[in-house]
Amino acid sequence: MKNDQQNQAASTFPYEVLTTAELAQRLKVKESWVIDQSKRSRTADPIPVFRLGKHRRYLWGSPALNAWLARRGGSATETTRRTKAS
């Protein structure tokens, strides 16, 4: 009965929890870059992260991470457009 409750809770959780290595793989960047970009002291717009003890975790598909990706994707596109237009 306890396993059924755990499975049901896991299936209703809307976001996938990723490790730093898994997020790096999905973004096709180095793990060290993800760690640096997750630190508030390193960037003005850090990757949304939560901690489980000393471990960083990321919610794939969450509104916060999607918004961060959109902001970062948009800024890269804007830079590319300006460079090509010049």
N, C-alpha and C. Protein backbone atom coordinates (compact mmCIF):
# COMPACT_ATOMS: atom_id res chain seq x y z
N MET A 1 0.82 -1.19 0.00
CA MET A 1 0.00 0.00 0.00
C MET A 1 0.87 1.26 0.00
N LYS A 2 1.95 1.25 0.76
CA LYS A 2 2.83 2.41 0.83
C LYS A 2 3.47 2.67 -0.54
N ASN A 3 3.90 1.63 -1.26
CA ASN A 3 4.49 1.79 -2.58
C ASN A 3 3.49 2.39 -3.57
N ASP A 4 2.21 1.99 -3.47
CA ASP A 4 1.18 2.55 -4.34
C ASP A 4 1.06 4.05 -4.12
N GLN A 5 1.10 4.49 -2.87
CA GLN A 5 1.00 5.91 -2.57
C GLN A 5 2.22 6.67 -3.10
N GLN A 6 3.40 6.08 -2.97
CA GLN A 6 4.62 6.71 -3.47
C GLN A 6 4.59 6.80 -4.98
N ASN A 7 4.17 5.73 -5.66
CA ASN A 7 4.09 5.74 -7.12
C ASN A 7 3.07 6.77 -7.60
N GLN A 8 1.94 6.87 -6.92
CA GLN A 8 0.90 7.83 -7.30
C GLN A 8 1.41 9.26 -7.11
N ALA A 9 2.10 9.51 -6.01
CA ALA A 9 2.65 10.85 -5.76
C ALA A 9 3.70 11.20 -6.82
N ALA A 10 4.54 10.25 -7.18
CA ALA A 10 5.57 10.50 -8.17
C ALA A 10 4.97 10.75 -9.55
N SER A 11 3.89 10.07 -9.88
CA SER A 11 3.29 10.23 -11.19
C SER A 11 2.51 11.54 -11.31
N THR A 12 2.10 12.14 -10.19
CA THR A 12 1.37 13.40 -10.25
C THR A 12 2.28 14.61 -10.12
N PHE A 13 3.54 14.42 -9.79
CA PHE A 13 4.48 15.54 -9.70
C PHE A 13 4.75 16.02 -11.12
N PRO A 14 4.50 17.28 -11.42
CA PRO A 14 4.51 17.73 -12.81
C PRO A 14 5.89 17.97 -13.43
N TYR A 15 6.95 18.00 -12.62
CA TYR A 15 8.26 18.34 -13.15
C TYR A 15 9.25 17.22 -12.90
N GLU A 16 10.20 17.11 -13.81
CA GLU A 16 11.26 16.12 -13.65
C GLU A 16 12.41 16.74 -12.87
N VAL A 17 12.87 16.07 -11.84
CA VAL A 17 13.98 16.56 -11.02
C VAL A 17 15.28 16.07 -11.65
N LEU A 18 16.16 17.04 -11.98
CA LEU A 18 17.42 16.71 -12.64
C LEU A 18 18.61 17.05 -11.75
N THR A 19 19.67 16.29 -11.92
CA THR A 19 20.95 16.61 -11.29
C THR A 19 21.66 17.65 -12.16
N THR A 20 22.75 18.17 -11.66
CA THR A 20 23.55 19.12 -12.44
C THR A 20 24.04 18.47 -13.72
N ALA A 21 24.50 17.23 -13.63
CA ALA A 21 25.01 16.53 -14.82
C ALA A 21 23.90 16.31 -15.85
N GLU A 22 22.70 15.97 -15.39
CA GLU A 22 21.59 15.75 -16.32
C GLU A 22 21.17 17.04 -17.01
N LEU A 23 21.13 18.15 -16.26
CA LEU A 23 20.78 19.43 -16.87
C LEU A 23 21.85 19.84 -17.88
N ALA A 24 23.10 19.66 -17.54
CA ALA A 24 24.19 19.99 -18.45
C ALA A 24 24.07 19.19 -19.74
N GLN A 25 23.73 17.94 -19.62
CA GLN A 25 23.58 17.08 -20.80
C GLN A 25 22.43 17.58 -21.68
N ARG A 26 21.32 17.95 -21.07
CA ARG A 26 20.16 18.44 -21.85
C ARG A 26 20.45 19.78 -22.52
N LEU A 27 21.22 20.63 -21.84
CA LEU A 27 21.55 21.94 -22.41
C LEU A 27 22.78 21.88 -23.32
N LYS A 28 23.44 20.73 -23.34
CA LYS A 28 24.65 20.52 -24.15
C LYS A 28 25.76 21.50 -23.77
N VAL A 29 25.97 21.60 -22.46
CA VAL A 29 27.04 22.44 -21.91
C VAL A 29 27.79 21.62 -20.86
N LYS A 30 28.89 22.18 -20.39
CA LYS A 30 29.66 21.50 -19.35
C LYS A 30 28.95 21.61 -18.00
N GLU A 31 29.15 20.60 -17.18
CA GLU A 31 28.57 20.58 -15.84
C GLU A 31 29.06 21.78 -15.02
N SER A 32 30.32 22.14 -15.16
CA SER A 32 30.87 23.27 -14.42
C SER A 32 30.17 24.58 -14.80
N TRP A 33 29.75 24.71 -16.06
CA TRP A 33 29.02 25.91 -16.48
C TRP A 33 27.68 25.99 -15.77
N VAL A 34 26.98 24.86 -15.68
CA VAL A 34 25.68 24.83 -14.99
C VAL A 34 25.86 25.23 -13.53
N ILE A 35 26.89 24.70 -12.89
CA ILE A 35 27.14 25.04 -11.48
C ILE A 35 27.41 26.53 -11.34
N ASP A 36 28.28 27.08 -12.18
CA ASP A 36 28.58 28.52 -12.12
C ASP A 36 27.34 29.37 -12.36
N GLN A 37 26.53 28.99 -13.33
CA GLN A 37 25.35 29.76 -13.67
C GLN A 37 24.22 29.60 -12.66
N SER A 38 24.37 28.65 -11.73
CA SER A 38 23.38 28.44 -10.67
C SER A 38 23.68 29.28 -9.44
N LYS A 39 24.85 29.86 -9.39
CA LYS A 39 25.27 30.64 -8.21
C LYS A 39 24.86 32.09 -8.36
N ARG A 40 24.18 32.61 -7.36
CA ARG A 40 23.74 34.01 -7.39
C ARG A 40 24.93 34.96 -7.39
N SER A 41 26.05 34.51 -6.84
CA SER A 41 27.23 35.38 -6.79
C SER A 41 27.94 35.47 -8.14
N ARG A 42 27.63 34.58 -9.07
CA ARG A 42 28.33 34.53 -10.35
C ARG A 42 27.59 35.23 -11.50
N THR A 43 26.26 35.37 -11.37
CA THR A 43 25.49 35.93 -12.47
C THR A 43 24.27 36.68 -11.94
N ALA A 44 23.82 37.65 -12.70
CA ALA A 44 22.65 38.43 -12.30
C ALA A 44 21.35 37.64 -12.50
N ASP A 45 21.39 36.63 -13.36
CA ASP A 45 20.20 35.83 -13.66
C ASP A 45 20.55 34.35 -13.53
N PRO A 46 20.63 33.83 -12.29
CA PRO A 46 21.06 32.44 -12.10
C PRO A 46 19.99 31.43 -12.53
N ILE A 47 20.44 30.23 -12.86
CA ILE A 47 19.53 29.13 -13.17
C ILE A 47 18.74 28.82 -11.90
N PRO A 48 17.41 28.70 -12.00
CA PRO A 48 16.62 28.34 -10.81
C PRO A 48 17.02 26.96 -10.29
N VAL A 49 17.34 26.90 -9.02
CA VAL A 49 17.86 25.68 -8.42
C VAL A 49 17.25 25.53 -7.03
N PHE A 50 17.14 24.28 -6.59
CA PHE A 50 16.82 24.06 -5.18
C PHE A 50 17.82 23.03 -4.67
N ARG A 51 17.98 23.01 -3.38
CA ARG A 51 19.01 22.14 -2.80
C ARG A 51 18.38 21.07 -1.94
N LEU A 52 18.95 19.89 -2.05
CA LEU A 52 18.64 18.77 -1.16
C LEU A 52 19.93 18.49 -0.41
N GLY A 53 20.04 19.08 0.75
CA GLY A 53 21.31 18.99 1.48
C GLY A 53 22.35 19.77 0.71
N LYS A 54 23.43 19.12 0.34
CA LYS A 54 24.49 19.81 -0.42
C LYS A 54 24.32 19.65 -1.93
N HIS A 55 23.29 18.94 -2.35
CA HIS A 55 23.09 18.64 -3.77
C HIS A 55 22.16 19.65 -4.45
N ARG A 56 22.58 20.13 -5.61
CA ARG A 56 21.74 21.02 -6.42
C ARG A 56 20.80 20.18 -7.26
N ARG A 57 19.55 20.62 -7.37
CA ARG A 57 18.57 19.94 -8.22
C ARG A 57 17.81 21.00 -9.01
N TYR A 58 17.35 20.61 -10.18
CA TYR A 58 16.67 21.51 -11.11
C TYR A 58 15.35 20.88 -11.52
N LEU A 59 14.31 21.69 -11.64
CA LEU A 59 12.99 21.19 -12.01
C LEU A 59 12.77 21.42 -13.51
N TRP A 60 13.00 20.37 -14.29
CA TRP A 60 12.84 20.45 -15.73
C TRP A 60 11.35 20.59 -16.06
N GLY A 61 11.02 21.61 -16.83
CA GLY A 61 9.64 21.86 -17.20
C GLY A 61 8.92 22.83 -16.28
N SER A 62 9.59 23.28 -15.23
CA SER A 62 8.95 24.22 -14.30
C SER A 62 8.86 25.60 -14.94
N PRO A 63 7.88 26.40 -14.53
CA PRO A 63 7.76 27.75 -15.08
C PRO A 63 9.03 28.59 -14.86
N ALA A 64 9.67 28.44 -13.71
CA ALA A 64 10.88 29.23 -13.42
C ALA A 64 12.02 28.87 -14.37
N LEU A 65 12.24 27.58 -14.59
CA LEU A 65 13.32 27.16 -15.49
C LEU A 65 12.97 27.49 -16.94
N ASN A 66 11.73 27.31 -17.32
CA ASN A 66 11.31 27.67 -18.69
C ASN A 66 11.49 29.16 -18.94
N ALA A 67 11.15 29.99 -17.96
CA ALA A 67 11.33 31.44 -18.11
C ALA A 67 12.81 31.78 -18.22
N TRP A 68 13.65 31.13 -17.42
CA TRP A 68 15.09 31.37 -17.49
C TRP A 68 15.62 31.00 -18.87
N LEU A 69 15.19 29.83 -19.38
CA LEU A 69 15.62 29.40 -20.72
C LEU A 69 15.17 30.40 -21.79
N ALA A 70 13.95 30.89 -21.66
CA ALA A 70 13.44 31.86 -22.62
C ALA A 70 14.25 33.15 -22.58
N ARG A 71 14.56 33.62 -21.37
CA ARG A 71 15.37 34.84 -21.23
C ARG A 71 16.75 34.64 -21.82
N ARG A 72 17.37 33.53 -21.52
CA ARG A 72 18.72 33.28 -22.00
C ARG A 72 18.72 33.01 -23.50
N GLY A 73 17.73 32.29 -23.97
CA GLY A 73 17.63 32.02 -25.41
C GLY A 73 17.37 33.29 -26.18
N GLY A 74 16.52 34.16 -25.65
CA GLY A 74 16.21 35.42 -26.31
C GLY A 74 17.39 36.35 -26.37
N SER A 75 18.18 36.39 -25.30
CA SER A 75 19.33 37.29 -25.28
C SER A 75 20.41 36.81 -26.26
N ALA A 76 20.57 35.51 -26.41
CA ALA A 76 21.55 34.99 -27.36
C ALA A 76 21.10 35.30 -28.78
N THR A 77 19.82 35.18 -29.04
CA THR A 77 19.28 35.46 -30.36
C THR A 77 19.43 36.94 -30.69
N GLU A 78 19.15 37.81 -29.72
CA GLU A 78 19.28 39.25 -29.94
C GLU A 78 20.73 39.61 -30.27
N THR A 79 21.67 39.04 -29.54
CA THR A 79 23.09 39.31 -29.79
C THR A 79 23.47 38.86 -31.18
N THR A 80 23.01 37.67 -31.57
CA THR A 80 23.32 37.13 -32.89
C THR A 80 22.73 38.03 -33.97
N ARG A 81 21.50 38.49 -33.79
CA ARG A 81 20.86 39.36 -34.78
C ARG A 81 21.61 40.68 -34.93
N ARG A 82 22.00 41.27 -33.80
CA ARG A 82 22.72 42.54 -33.84
C ARG A 82 24.07 42.38 -34.54
N THR A 83 24.75 41.27 -34.27
CA THR A 83 26.05 41.02 -34.86
C THR A 83 25.93 40.83 -36.36
N LYS A 84 24.93 40.07 -36.79
CA LYS A 84 24.74 39.83 -38.22
C LYS A 84 24.29 41.09 -38.95
N ALA A 85 23.51 41.93 -38.29
CA ALA A 85 23.00 43.15 -38.91
C ALA A 85 24.10 44.20 -39.10
N SER A 86 25.12 44.14 -38.27
CA SER A 86 26.19 45.16 -38.32
C SER A 86 27.06 45.03 -39.53
